[in-house]
């Protein structure tokens, strides 16, 4: 990368402005447009090389370098984690634009990655000073976007076991009105302090008012009794393994569906979806053979319901078998056989799932998901939405088990839930009495075991289960751990989010927290107040049995599939 000087030390271009092409187009504009295109399409190294060559050309021409190409280059080398080049570029920008928040933030980050903590501290001090200026506060409105790679690197270093680096990076994030700033309690002062008396008052008040809350009164309608025949037949096209092969754990979704359905006398068949989800492992011949096998099973079984995992999400679902071929075959067979088609979406918040839902909504009968707010942005097919958990077999969790584990977080820390690394870093650095039981999708790498039975038994031993709902700074979801902790009669401490309030009442069925101080306070409080803990878990368990028992979920799913008009009313009511 060419060495850069301060703009004030560089000679002005003799003819003024950036060098131009023979057609009179500014080379700077050309370089920015082309490099931007390359970067957006994944060719960051090529984009960086182009900008470096442009900067060399400008210097050789005796012209001054504007900040625009330097900022463009800085962003690219920063995104590809070329920390030395990023530090050089952002330093150049910071020298020439001392109040540039982006430059100061990303320079601080680059310096920490390079191990120059002293320089990083000086730069962070300048960043915080700049943020205090009224004329720069508008830059903070989307400060989380500037911190995105910082969050990602906290996750990266957490995975590597580098606690010190994680803590250093968190210092950059200690800014009000950001995700990490909220977690850290920046700017909240005494609001983070909760006395035992204040917590008890919250719980007593919630128990007094929640039975009269309109949302929960509306959701307390009886389960619908709908049956298409004496014996229901269900065909599932679901993934069998987490990562598509036997080296990974079996996925719990088909296991839970199958066991709960069989308990009600349903005939259920599971066709593994791996061949459609990981098509690059197959030859075209094998791909069509598997598709033919699936259609033959469907024709021979003549099911009442066909439930497909992430229907329409993969485009195409296989390199030779296009999405439209899959759709047309299902539509034609549904017309001939009369089954109801259900798309099941465990992660409807993901961009690929959103697109898949939009695609499938034109031909499915039901869109089954767990996040109620999805309906608010999907009015075009709101009549097909069905929001409910997987029907959990009631014997899976031993609700009466002796609680041998105190508080703990049980779950994964992957790239799709990378913000959990922020919480886990703080739990460790502050010595909060919360075990971190990290799970993996590969076999023999999970604290709670590999099978769903081992997992259920492990959850049942926990007194308090901590759960983090953020998927990115602006997205909160309801996870499977919510339902599972309640079934295991482990007190749920849930990162504050709107999703869960559609199903459960705060301080009655679970305890919400918004920052690390509150989390620690609640953990220590319920260590001392076992009777209150039991009161909440018993109330939550009773409400689950009343609203989300496997029988109720199956009956309401049938109502959604066979009585669409009733489903529309149910969805509008729940919202």
Protein backbone atom coordinates (compact mmCIF):
# COMPACT_ATOMS: atom_id res chain seq x y z
CA UNK A 1 0.00 0.00 0.00
CA UNK A 2 1.40 3.46 -0.88
CA UNK A 3 2.61 5.62 1.98
CA UNK A 4 0.25 8.55 2.55
CA UNK A 5 1.00 12.06 3.73
CA UNK A 6 -1.21 14.56 5.41
CA UNK A 7 -3.29 16.42 2.84
CA UNK A 8 -1.68 19.69 3.89
CA UNK A 9 1.80 18.37 3.02
CA UNK A 10 0.89 17.36 -0.51
CA UNK A 11 1.34 19.61 -3.54
CA UNK A 12 -1.78 20.86 -5.25
CA UNK A 13 -2.53 19.49 -8.70
CA UNK A 14 -1.26 21.88 -11.33
CA UNK A 15 -4.42 21.74 -13.39
CA UNK A 16 -6.70 21.42 -10.33
CA UNK A 17 -8.86 18.48 -9.33
CA UNK A 18 -8.48 14.78 -9.88
CA UNK A 19 -6.84 13.40 -13.07
CA UNK A 20 -9.34 12.72 -15.83
CA UNK A 21 -9.86 10.18 -18.59
CA UNK A 22 -9.67 11.15 -22.25
CA UNK A 23 -13.47 11.49 -22.15
CA UNK A 24 -13.17 14.05 -19.35
CA UNK A 25 -14.49 11.77 -16.59
CA UNK A 26 -12.84 12.14 -13.19
CA UNK A 27 -10.58 9.16 -12.43
CA UNK A 28 -11.53 9.49 -8.79
CA UNK A 29 -15.20 9.01 -9.55
CA UNK A 30 -14.37 6.11 -11.85
CA UNK A 31 -12.17 4.46 -9.22
CA UNK A 32 -14.82 4.88 -6.53
CA UNK A 33 -17.63 3.48 -8.68
CA UNK A 34 -15.67 0.45 -9.88
CA UNK A 35 -14.16 -0.34 -6.50
CA UNK A 36 -17.57 -0.02 -4.88
CA UNK A 37 -19.03 -2.46 -7.37
CA UNK A 38 -16.21 -4.94 -6.79
CA UNK A 39 -16.54 -4.71 -3.00
CA UNK A 40 -20.32 -5.24 -3.09
CA UNK A 41 -19.83 -8.37 -5.18
CA UNK A 42 -17.24 -9.93 -2.90
CA UNK A 43 -14.07 -8.87 -4.71
CA UNK A 44 -12.69 -6.75 -1.87
CA UNK A 45 -9.03 -7.47 -2.57
CA UNK A 46 -9.42 -6.40 -6.18
CA UNK A 47 -11.29 -3.27 -5.07
CA UNK A 48 -8.53 -2.40 -2.61
CA UNK A 49 -5.86 -2.96 -5.28
CA UNK A 50 -7.67 -0.65 -7.70
CA UNK A 51 -7.88 2.16 -5.15
CA UNK A 52 -4.22 1.71 -4.21
CA UNK A 53 -3.24 2.04 -7.86
CA UNK A 54 -5.38 5.15 -8.19
CA UNK A 55 -3.72 6.73 -5.15
CA UNK A 56 -0.28 5.96 -6.61
CA UNK A 57 -1.34 7.56 -9.90
CA UNK A 58 -2.54 10.71 -8.16
CA UNK A 59 0.70 10.99 -6.19
CA UNK A 60 2.80 10.42 -9.32
CA UNK A 61 0.80 13.14 -11.05
CA UNK A 62 1.65 15.59 -8.27
CA UNK A 63 -1.98 15.94 -7.25
CA UNK A 64 -3.51 16.14 -3.81
CA UNK A 65 -5.50 13.15 -2.60
CA UNK A 66 -9.05 13.80 -1.43
CA UNK A 67 -10.42 11.84 1.52
CA UNK A 68 -13.08 10.01 -0.49
CA UNK A 69 -10.84 7.35 -2.08
CA UNK A 70 -8.91 6.97 1.18
CA UNK A 71 -12.15 6.40 3.12
CA UNK A 72 -13.33 3.94 0.45
CA UNK A 73 -10.03 2.05 0.67
CA UNK A 74 -10.09 2.18 4.48
CA UNK A 75 -13.56 0.63 4.57
CA UNK A 76 -12.55 -2.20 2.27
CA UNK A 77 -9.30 -3.17 4.02
CA UNK A 78 -11.09 -2.86 7.36
CA UNK A 79 -13.89 -5.22 6.27
CA UNK A 80 -11.37 -7.83 5.10
CA UNK A 81 -9.60 -7.49 8.46
CA UNK A 82 -6.31 -6.22 7.06
CA UNK A 83 -5.64 -4.41 10.30
CA UNK A 84 -2.29 -2.81 9.42
CA UNK A 85 -3.59 -1.24 6.22
CA UNK A 86 -6.84 -0.28 7.91
CA UNK A 87 -4.99 1.49 10.73
CA UNK A 88 -2.86 3.42 8.23
CA UNK A 89 -5.88 4.51 6.16
CA UNK A 90 -8.09 5.45 9.10
CA UNK A 91 -5.22 7.32 10.73
CA UNK A 92 -4.84 9.38 7.54
CA UNK A 93 -8.55 10.19 7.63
CA UNK A 94 -8.46 11.00 11.36
CA UNK A 95 -5.50 13.37 10.92
CA UNK A 96 -7.26 15.27 8.14
CA UNK A 97 -10.75 15.07 9.64
CA UNK A 98 -10.18 14.99 13.45
CA UNK A 99 -13.90 14.70 14.27
CA UNK A 100 -14.73 11.89 11.86
CA UNK A 101 -16.48 9.40 14.16
CA UNK A 102 -16.16 6.49 11.76
CA UNK A 103 -12.40 7.01 11.40
CA UNK A 104 -11.83 7.27 15.15
CA UNK A 105 -13.97 4.21 15.89
CA UNK A 106 -12.43 1.95 13.27
CA UNK A 107 -8.91 3.20 13.95
CA UNK A 108 -9.39 2.32 17.64
CA UNK A 109 -10.57 -1.14 16.65
CA UNK A 110 -7.70 -1.73 14.20
CA UNK A 111 -5.13 -0.69 16.80
CA UNK A 112 -6.57 -3.12 19.37
CA UNK A 113 -6.40 -5.92 16.83
CA UNK A 114 -2.75 -4.97 16.21
CA UNK A 115 -2.07 -5.05 19.95
CA UNK A 116 -1.30 -1.30 20.27
CA UNK A 117 -3.54 -0.65 23.26
CA UNK A 118 -1.87 2.65 24.21
CA UNK A 119 -2.60 4.19 20.81
CA UNK A 120 -6.07 2.68 20.86
CA UNK A 121 -6.81 4.29 24.24
CA UNK A 122 -5.73 7.70 22.93
CA UNK A 123 -7.93 7.30 19.87
CA UNK A 124 -10.93 6.14 21.92
CA UNK A 125 -10.56 9.23 24.11
CA UNK A 126 -10.75 11.40 20.98
CA UNK A 127 -13.78 9.44 19.77
CA UNK A 128 -15.66 9.98 23.04
CA UNK A 129 -14.72 13.66 23.05
CA UNK A 130 -16.06 14.01 19.50
CA UNK A 131 -19.28 12.26 20.46
CA UNK A 132 -19.90 14.84 23.17
CA UNK A 133 -20.07 17.64 20.62
CA UNK A 134 -23.71 18.57 19.82
CA UNK A 135 -22.99 18.97 16.13
CA UNK A 136 -21.74 15.37 15.95
CA UNK A 137 -24.46 13.63 17.93
CA UNK A 138 -26.38 12.92 14.75
CA UNK A 139 -23.59 10.47 13.90
CA UNK A 140 -24.62 8.27 16.83
CA UNK A 141 -28.10 7.50 15.47
CA UNK A 142 -26.82 4.34 13.80
CA UNK A 143 -23.61 3.84 15.72
CA UNK A 144 -24.26 0.11 15.91
CA UNK A 145 -23.56 -0.08 12.17
CA UNK A 146 -20.05 1.27 12.82
CA UNK A 147 -19.63 -1.31 15.59
CA UNK A 148 -20.80 -4.28 13.53
CA UNK A 149 -17.31 -5.62 12.87
CA UNK A 150 -16.31 -4.94 16.48
CA UNK A 151 -19.18 -7.17 17.60
CA UNK A 152 -18.16 -9.81 15.07
CA UNK A 153 -14.58 -9.73 16.32
CA UNK A 154 -15.70 -10.06 19.93
CA UNK A 155 -17.41 -13.26 18.81
CA UNK A 156 -14.28 -14.34 16.92
CA UNK A 157 -11.99 -13.83 19.91
CA UNK A 158 -14.54 -15.39 22.27
CA UNK A 159 -14.48 -18.52 20.13
CA UNK A 160 -10.67 -18.49 20.33
CA UNK A 161 -10.79 -18.12 24.11
CA UNK A 162 -9.16 -14.67 24.10
CA UNK A 163 -11.06 -13.05 26.98
CA UNK A 164 -8.65 -10.10 27.27
CA UNK A 165 -9.11 -9.10 23.64
CA UNK A 166 -12.90 -9.35 24.01
CA UNK A 167 -12.82 -7.02 27.01
CA UNK A 168 -10.64 -4.49 25.18
CA UNK A 169 -13.00 -4.45 22.21
CA UNK A 170 -15.98 -3.91 24.51
CA UNK A 171 -14.41 -0.63 25.63
CA UNK A 172 -15.00 0.76 22.13
CA UNK A 173 -18.67 -0.17 22.37
CA UNK A 174 -19.36 1.67 25.63
CA UNK A 175 -21.45 4.31 23.85
CA UNK A 176 -25.01 5.31 24.85
CA UNK A 177 -27.89 4.15 22.62
CA UNK A 178 -25.97 1.26 21.11
CA UNK A 179 -26.65 -2.42 21.71
CA UNK A 180 -23.46 -2.92 23.75
CA UNK A 181 -23.98 0.42 25.48
CA UNK A 182 -27.38 -0.79 26.65
CA UNK A 183 -25.95 -4.13 27.77
CA UNK A 184 -23.23 -2.30 29.70
CA UNK A 185 -25.77 0.12 31.18
CA UNK A 186 -23.97 3.18 29.79
CA UNK A 187 -25.78 6.37 30.74
CA UNK A 188 -28.37 4.61 32.91
CA UNK A 189 -26.91 5.49 36.30
CA UNK A 190 -29.05 4.41 39.22
CA UNK A 191 -31.58 2.74 36.89
CA UNK A 192 -29.31 -0.32 36.92
CA UNK A 193 -29.67 -0.67 40.70
CA UNK A 194 -32.53 -2.83 41.95
CA UNK A 195 -33.16 -3.58 45.62
CA UNK A 196 -34.80 -6.78 46.82
CA UNK A 197 -37.85 -4.77 47.81
CA UNK A 198 -38.14 -3.23 44.33
CA UNK A 199 -37.97 -6.67 42.68
CA UNK A 200 -40.59 -8.11 45.01
CA UNK A 201 -42.89 -5.15 44.25
CA UNK A 202 -42.49 -5.75 40.51
CA UNK A 203 -43.45 -9.41 40.90
CA UNK A 204 -46.41 -8.72 43.21
CA UNK A 205 -47.73 -6.00 40.89
CA UNK A 206 -47.39 -8.22 37.81
CA UNK A 207 -49.21 -11.12 39.48
CA UNK A 208 -51.99 -8.75 40.49
CA UNK A 209 -52.55 -7.18 37.06
CA UNK A 210 -51.71 -9.80 34.44
CA UNK A 211 -54.93 -11.89 34.65
CA UNK A 212 -56.85 -8.78 33.54
CA UNK A 213 -54.42 -7.82 30.76
CA UNK A 214 -56.28 -7.80 27.45
CA UNK A 215 -53.50 -9.57 25.55
CA UNK A 216 -53.62 -12.63 27.81
CA UNK A 217 -57.40 -12.62 28.10
CA UNK A 218 -57.68 -12.75 24.30
CA UNK A 219 -55.18 -15.57 24.07
CA UNK A 220 -57.08 -17.68 26.57
CA UNK A 221 -59.67 -19.06 24.14
CA UNK A 222 -60.16 -22.85 24.21
CA UNK A 223 -58.34 -25.09 21.76
CA UNK A 224 -60.30 -25.82 18.61
CA UNK A 225 -61.38 -29.39 17.94
CA UNK A 226 -60.84 -30.05 14.26
CA UNK A 227 -60.18 -33.42 12.65
CA UNK A 228 -59.97 -34.32 8.95
CA UNK A 229 -60.60 -38.00 9.66
CA UNK A 230 -60.35 -40.78 12.18
CA UNK A 231 -56.58 -41.19 11.78
CA UNK A 232 -54.38 -38.33 10.68
CA UNK A 233 -51.49 -39.02 8.32
CA UNK A 234 -48.55 -36.61 8.36
CA UNK A 235 -45.58 -36.53 5.98
CA UNK A 236 -42.60 -34.46 7.14
CA UNK A 237 -39.79 -33.30 4.86
CA UNK A 238 -37.34 -32.17 7.56
CA UNK A 239 -33.60 -32.05 8.09
CA UNK A 240 -32.37 -35.01 10.12
CA UNK A 241 -28.98 -33.63 11.19
CA UNK A 242 -27.89 -30.13 12.17
CA UNK A 243 -25.06 -29.95 9.64
CA UNK A 244 -26.36 -32.40 7.08
CA UNK A 245 -24.29 -35.44 8.07
CA UNK A 246 -23.80 -38.07 10.73
CA UNK A 247 -20.86 -36.19 12.26
CA UNK A 248 -23.38 -33.68 13.63
CA UNK A 249 -26.15 -34.17 16.15
CA UNK A 250 -29.63 -35.21 15.11
CA UNK A 251 -31.91 -32.20 14.81
CA UNK A 252 -34.63 -32.08 17.44
CA UNK A 253 -37.42 -30.72 15.21
CA UNK A 254 -38.49 -33.96 13.47
CA UNK A 255 -37.99 -35.95 16.67
CA UNK A 256 -40.31 -33.66 18.65
CA UNK A 257 -42.94 -33.57 15.91
CA UNK A 258 -42.90 -37.32 15.46
CA UNK A 259 -43.10 -38.25 19.15
CA UNK A 260 -45.86 -35.76 19.95
CA UNK A 261 -47.90 -36.77 16.88
CA UNK A 262 -47.63 -40.47 17.61
CA UNK A 263 -48.88 -39.81 21.16
CA UNK A 264 -52.23 -38.81 19.60
CA UNK A 265 -52.37 -41.79 17.29
CA UNK A 266 -51.25 -39.95 14.16
CA UNK A 267 -49.43 -41.87 11.47
CA UNK A 268 -46.28 -39.89 10.69
CA UNK A 269 -43.43 -40.43 8.25
CA UNK A 270 -40.15 -38.48 8.21
CA UNK A 271 -38.41 -38.05 4.84
CA UNK A 272 -34.91 -36.56 5.42
CA UNK A 273 -34.44 -33.17 3.78
CA UNK A 274 -30.63 -33.26 3.63
CA UNK A 275 -30.60 -34.08 -0.09
CA UNK A 276 -32.60 -30.94 -0.83
CA UNK A 277 -30.78 -28.69 1.66
CA UNK A 278 -27.20 -29.67 0.73
CA UNK A 279 -27.52 -30.46 -2.97
CA UNK A 280 -23.85 -29.95 -3.87
CA UNK A 281 -23.15 -33.41 -2.41
CA UNK A 282 -25.19 -35.11 -5.14
CA UNK A 283 -24.92 -35.88 -8.82
CA UNK A 284 -27.86 -34.73 -10.97
CA UNK A 285 -28.96 -38.35 -11.37
CA UNK A 286 -29.06 -38.94 -7.62
CA UNK A 287 -30.80 -35.64 -7.09
CA UNK A 288 -33.71 -36.55 -9.37
CA UNK A 289 -33.81 -40.07 -7.92
CA UNK A 290 -34.27 -38.67 -4.39
CA UNK A 291 -36.96 -36.27 -5.60
CA UNK A 292 -38.74 -39.16 -7.30
CA UNK A 293 -38.53 -41.22 -4.08
CA UNK A 294 -40.09 -38.37 -2.11
CA UNK A 295 -42.98 -38.00 -4.56
CA UNK A 296 -43.58 -41.77 -4.55
CA UNK A 297 -43.78 -41.75 -0.74
CA UNK A 298 -46.23 -38.87 -0.91
CA UNK A 299 -48.45 -40.64 -3.48
CA UNK A 300 -48.41 -43.99 -1.66
CA UNK A 301 -48.98 -42.53 1.80
CA UNK A 302 -51.80 -40.15 0.77
CA UNK A 303 -51.20 -37.88 3.82
CA UNK A 304 -53.61 -35.35 5.26
CA UNK A 305 -50.75 -32.96 6.07
CA UNK A 306 -47.40 -32.38 4.38
CA UNK A 307 -45.06 -30.28 6.56
CA UNK A 308 -41.87 -29.04 4.91
CA UNK A 309 -38.91 -27.51 6.74
CA UNK A 310 -37.93 -24.08 5.33
CA UNK A 311 -40.10 -24.52 2.25
CA UNK A 312 -38.98 -22.14 -0.50
CA UNK A 313 -35.95 -20.86 1.43
CA UNK A 314 -33.32 -22.46 -0.80
CA UNK A 315 -33.23 -21.00 -4.32
CA UNK A 316 -32.92 -23.31 -6.05
CA UNK A 317 -33.38 -26.18 -3.58
CA UNK A 318 -30.87 -28.13 -5.69
CA UNK A 319 -28.56 -27.17 -8.60
CA UNK A 320 -30.57 -29.12 -11.18
CA UNK A 321 -33.95 -29.38 -9.51
CA UNK A 322 -35.23 -25.81 -9.59
CA UNK A 323 -37.52 -24.31 -7.00
CA UNK A 324 -40.35 -24.01 -9.51
CA UNK A 325 -40.17 -27.74 -10.35
CA UNK A 326 -40.50 -28.55 -6.65
CA UNK A 327 -43.41 -26.12 -6.29
CA UNK A 328 -45.33 -27.34 -9.34
CA UNK A 329 -45.02 -30.99 -8.30
CA UNK A 330 -46.40 -30.21 -4.84
CA UNK A 331 -49.23 -28.07 -6.18
CA UNK A 332 -50.30 -30.70 -8.70
CA UNK A 333 -50.22 -33.55 -6.19
CA UNK A 334 -52.11 -31.49 -3.62
CA UNK A 335 -54.82 -30.94 -6.22
CA UNK A 336 -55.02 -34.69 -6.87
CA UNK A 337 -54.63 -35.99 -3.31
CA UNK A 338 -56.22 -33.19 -1.29
CA UNK A 339 -53.56 -32.81 1.42
CA UNK A 340 -52.82 -29.55 3.20
CA UNK A 341 -49.35 -28.08 2.66
CA UNK A 342 -47.55 -26.44 5.59
CA UNK A 343 -44.26 -24.57 5.45
CA UNK A 344 -42.42 -24.64 8.77
CA UNK A 345 -39.91 -21.81 9.45
CA UNK A 346 -37.85 -22.12 12.66
CA UNK A 347 -35.95 -18.87 11.94
CA UNK A 348 -38.42 -16.55 10.16
CA UNK A 349 -36.33 -13.48 11.04
CA UNK A 350 -33.47 -14.51 8.72
CA UNK A 351 -33.39 -12.73 5.35
CA UNK A 352 -33.41 -16.03 3.41
CA UNK A 353 -36.42 -17.20 5.41
CA UNK A 354 -38.29 -13.95 4.78
CA UNK A 355 -37.76 -14.40 1.04
CA UNK A 356 -38.72 -18.07 1.25
CA UNK A 357 -41.93 -17.25 3.10
CA UNK A 358 -42.86 -14.63 0.52
CA UNK A 359 -42.24 -17.16 -2.25
CA UNK A 360 -44.14 -20.04 -0.59
CA UNK A 361 -47.06 -17.89 0.58
CA UNK A 362 -48.66 -18.07 -2.86
CA UNK A 363 -49.21 -21.83 -2.73
CA UNK A 364 -48.98 -23.12 0.90
CA UNK A 365 -51.99 -23.50 3.17
CA UNK A 366 -50.19 -22.59 6.42
CA UNK A 367 -46.99 -20.70 7.31
CA UNK A 368 -45.92 -22.08 10.70
CA UNK A 369 -43.47 -19.93 12.66
CA UNK A 370 -42.71 -18.87 16.24
CA UNK A 371 -42.34 -15.10 15.95
CA UNK A 372 -45.63 -13.21 16.16
CA UNK A 373 -44.25 -9.90 14.87
CA UNK A 374 -43.65 -11.58 11.52
CA UNK A 375 -47.38 -11.17 10.92
CA UNK A 376 -47.17 -7.41 11.30
CA UNK A 377 -44.96 -7.08 8.24
CA UNK A 378 -46.75 -9.78 6.22
CA UNK A 379 -50.29 -8.54 5.75
CA UNK A 380 -50.43 -9.95 2.21
CA UNK A 381 -50.57 -13.48 3.62
CA UNK A 382 -51.58 -12.87 7.25
CA UNK A 383 -54.46 -15.34 6.86
CA UNK A 384 -51.94 -18.17 6.43
CA UNK A 385 -49.74 -17.40 9.43
CA UNK A 386 -49.75 -19.76 12.40
CA UNK A 387 -47.58 -18.81 15.37
CA UNK A 388 -46.88 -21.62 17.83
CA UNK A 389 -43.98 -23.64 19.24
CA UNK A 390 -43.12 -27.17 18.23
CA UNK A 391 -45.45 -29.51 20.17
CA UNK A 392 -43.11 -30.76 22.88
CA UNK A 393 -43.77 -34.28 24.24
CA UNK A 394 -44.69 -33.78 27.87
CA UNK A 395 -42.43 -36.57 29.13
CA UNK A 396 -39.28 -35.05 27.65
CA UNK A 397 -38.59 -32.71 30.56
CA UNK A 398 -38.58 -33.93 34.15
CA UNK A 399 -40.23 -30.97 35.79
CA UNK A 400 -40.01 -32.58 39.23
CA UNK A 401 -36.26 -33.23 39.02
CA UNK A 402 -33.96 -32.23 41.83
CA UNK A 403 -32.27 -28.96 40.84
CA UNK A 404 -28.50 -29.55 41.03
CA UNK A 405 -27.40 -26.64 38.80
CA UNK A 406 -27.83 -22.98 39.76
CA UNK A 407 -28.00 -20.33 37.04
CA UNK A 408 -26.67 -20.99 33.58
CA UNK A 409 -26.75 -20.11 29.92
CA UNK A 410 -27.27 -23.19 27.77
CA UNK A 411 -26.85 -22.62 24.05
CA UNK A 412 -24.60 -21.94 21.10
CA UNK A 413 -22.50 -18.90 20.22
CA UNK A 414 -22.32 -18.93 16.44
CA UNK A 415 -22.10 -16.31 13.71
CA UNK A 416 -25.91 -16.03 13.51
CA UNK A 417 -26.21 -15.23 17.25
CA UNK A 418 -22.83 -13.51 17.60
CA UNK A 419 -24.05 -10.92 20.12
CA UNK A 420 -24.23 -13.63 22.76
CA UNK A 421 -20.44 -13.31 22.95
CA UNK A 422 -20.91 -9.80 24.38
CA UNK A 423 -22.97 -11.17 27.29
CA UNK A 424 -20.73 -14.19 27.85
CA UNK A 425 -17.62 -11.99 27.94
CA UNK A 426 -19.20 -9.79 30.63
CA UNK A 427 -20.42 -12.77 32.67
CA UNK A 428 -16.86 -14.05 32.80
CA UNK A 429 -15.16 -10.71 33.40
CA UNK A 430 -17.50 -9.77 36.26
CA UNK A 431 -17.52 -13.17 37.92
CA UNK A 432 -21.30 -13.48 37.71
CA UNK A 433 -22.50 -16.84 39.12
CA UNK A 434 -23.84 -18.07 35.81
CA UNK A 435 -22.48 -21.23 34.17
CA UNK A 436 -21.80 -21.06 30.44
CA UNK A 437 -22.89 -24.41 29.00
CA UNK A 438 -21.91 -23.87 25.38
CA UNK A 439 -23.38 -26.24 22.83
CA UNK A 440 -22.17 -27.22 19.36
CA UNK A 441 -23.86 -28.94 16.46
CA UNK A 442 -21.17 -31.62 16.17
CA UNK A 443 -21.41 -34.81 18.21
CA UNK A 444 -19.73 -35.02 21.62
CA UNK A 445 -19.28 -31.24 21.83
CA UNK A 446 -22.32 -30.19 23.85
CA UNK A 447 -22.49 -29.77 27.59
CA UNK A 448 -26.06 -31.08 27.59
CA UNK A 449 -25.35 -34.22 25.57
CA UNK A 450 -26.16 -35.20 22.00
CA UNK A 451 -29.69 -36.60 22.19
CA UNK A 452 -32.90 -34.72 22.86
CA UNK A 453 -33.49 -36.98 25.90
CA UNK A 454 -30.10 -36.03 27.39
CA UNK A 455 -30.83 -32.39 26.67
CA UNK A 456 -34.23 -32.55 28.37
CA UNK A 457 -32.73 -34.20 31.44
CA UNK A 458 -29.98 -31.57 31.64
CA UNK A 459 -32.44 -28.65 31.41
CA UNK A 460 -34.51 -30.22 34.15
CA UNK A 461 -31.57 -30.01 36.58
CA UNK A 462 -31.27 -26.22 36.21
CA UNK A 463 -32.80 -23.77 38.69
CA UNK A 464 -32.34 -20.68 36.50
CA UNK A 465 -31.92 -20.55 32.74
CA UNK A 466 -30.52 -17.39 31.15
CA UNK A 467 -31.45 -16.69 27.55
CA UNK A 468 -30.27 -14.06 25.05
CA UNK A 469 -32.75 -13.07 22.33
CA UNK A 470 -30.76 -10.69 20.08
CA UNK A 471 -29.75 -11.85 16.61
CA UNK A 472 -28.40 -8.45 15.63
CA UNK A 473 -28.64 -5.04 17.33
CA UNK A 474 -32.17 -4.45 16.03
CA UNK A 475 -33.66 -7.98 15.94
CA UNK A 476 -34.97 -9.97 18.90
CA UNK A 477 -36.49 -13.43 18.54
CA UNK A 478 -38.17 -16.02 20.70
CA UNK A 479 -35.95 -19.10 20.87
CA UNK A 480 -36.70 -22.72 21.69
CA UNK A 481 -35.02 -22.22 25.05
CA UNK A 482 -38.02 -20.15 26.19
CA UNK A 483 -40.45 -23.07 25.93
CA UNK A 484 -37.89 -25.59 27.15
CA UNK A 485 -36.95 -23.72 30.32
CA UNK A 486 -40.62 -23.37 31.26
CA UNK A 487 -41.28 -27.07 30.66
CA UNK A 488 -38.21 -27.94 32.77
CA UNK A 489 -39.43 -25.60 35.54
CA UNK A 490 -36.21 -23.62 35.38
CA UNK A 491 -36.78 -19.92 36.03
CA UNK A 492 -36.33 -18.09 32.72
CA UNK A 493 -34.27 -14.89 32.76
CA UNK A 494 -34.84 -13.51 29.27
CA UNK A 495 -33.11 -10.63 27.47
CA UNK A 496 -35.84 -8.02 27.13
CA UNK A 497 -37.80 -8.34 23.88
CA UNK A 498 -41.31 -7.87 22.58
CA UNK A 499 -41.66 -11.33 21.03
CA UNK A 500 -41.96 -13.25 24.28
CA UNK A 501 -44.62 -10.90 25.67
CA UNK A 502 -47.07 -12.22 23.06
CA UNK A 503 -46.91 -15.58 24.84
CA UNK A 504 -45.87 -14.97 28.44
CA UNK A 505 -46.26 -12.21 31.04
CA UNK A 506 -43.07 -10.55 32.40
CA UNK A 507 -42.46 -11.04 36.14
CA UNK A 508 -45.22 -13.68 36.16
CA UNK A 509 -43.90 -16.35 33.80
CA UNK A 510 -40.32 -15.13 33.35
CA UNK A 511 -37.98 -12.29 34.38
CA UNK A 512 -36.81 -9.81 31.70
CA UNK A 513 -33.43 -8.05 31.88
CA UNK A 514 -31.94 -5.38 29.64
CA UNK A 515 -28.36 -5.02 30.90
CA UNK A 516 -25.62 -6.98 32.62
CA UNK A 517 -26.20 -5.30 36.00
CA UNK A 518 -29.86 -6.34 36.00
CA UNK A 519 -28.94 -9.88 34.99
CA UNK A 520 -26.50 -10.21 37.86
CA UNK A 521 -28.97 -8.68 40.30
CA UNK A 522 -31.75 -11.10 39.34
CA UNK A 523 -29.46 -14.14 39.49
CA UNK A 524 -28.29 -13.24 42.99
CA UNK A 525 -31.83 -12.31 44.08
CA UNK A 526 -33.34 -15.68 43.11
CA UNK A 527 -30.45 -17.50 44.74
CA UNK A 528 -31.84 -16.08 47.99
CA UNK A 529 -35.57 -16.31 47.19
CA UNK A 530 -36.39 -19.90 46.26
CA UNK A 531 -40.10 -19.59 47.07
CA UNK A 532 -40.52 -16.73 44.60
CA UNK A 533 -38.59 -18.69 41.99
CA UNK A 534 -40.95 -21.64 42.45
CA UNK A 535 -44.00 -19.39 42.32
CA UNK A 536 -42.99 -18.05 38.92
CA UNK A 537 -41.98 -21.39 37.37
CA UNK A 538 -45.20 -23.05 38.54
CA UNK A 539 -47.30 -20.22 37.10
CA UNK A 540 -45.37 -20.40 33.82
CA UNK A 541 -45.73 -24.19 33.63
CA UNK A 542 -49.49 -24.02 34.27
CA UNK A 543 -49.90 -21.33 31.58
CA UNK A 544 -47.88 -23.41 29.11
CA UNK A 545 -50.09 -26.44 29.77
CA UNK A 546 -53.14 -24.29 29.24
CA UNK A 547 -51.99 -22.53 26.07
CA UNK A 548 -49.21 -24.56 24.39
CA UNK A 549 -49.67 -28.21 25.28
CA UNK A 550 -48.89 -30.57 22.38
CA UNK A 551 -52.59 -31.42 22.05
CA UNK A 552 -53.50 -27.76 21.76
CA UNK A 553 -50.76 -27.00 19.23
CA UNK A 554 -51.79 -29.92 17.01
CA UNK A 555 -55.50 -29.06 17.24
CA UNK A 556 -54.90 -25.40 16.42
CA UNK A 557 -52.59 -26.35 13.56
CA UNK A 558 -55.38 -28.50 12.11
CA UNK A 559 -57.77 -25.61 12.56
CA UNK A 560 -55.35 -23.37 10.69
CA UNK A 561 -54.98 -25.89 7.86
CA UNK A 562 -58.61 -26.96 7.45
CA UNK A 563 -60.41 -23.76 8.54
CA UNK A 564 -58.54 -20.80 6.98
CA UNK A 565 -61.18 -18.25 7.92
CA UNK A 566 -60.93 -19.29 11.56
CA UNK A 567 -57.12 -19.08 11.32
CA UNK A 568 -57.36 -15.46 10.14
CA UNK A 569 -59.50 -14.57 13.15
CA UNK A 570 -57.07 -16.36 15.49
CA UNK A 571 -54.08 -14.49 14.09
CA UNK A 572 -55.79 -11.10 14.25
CA UNK A 573 -56.82 -11.84 17.82
CA UNK A 574 -53.32 -12.80 18.91
CA UNK A 575 -51.97 -9.54 17.54
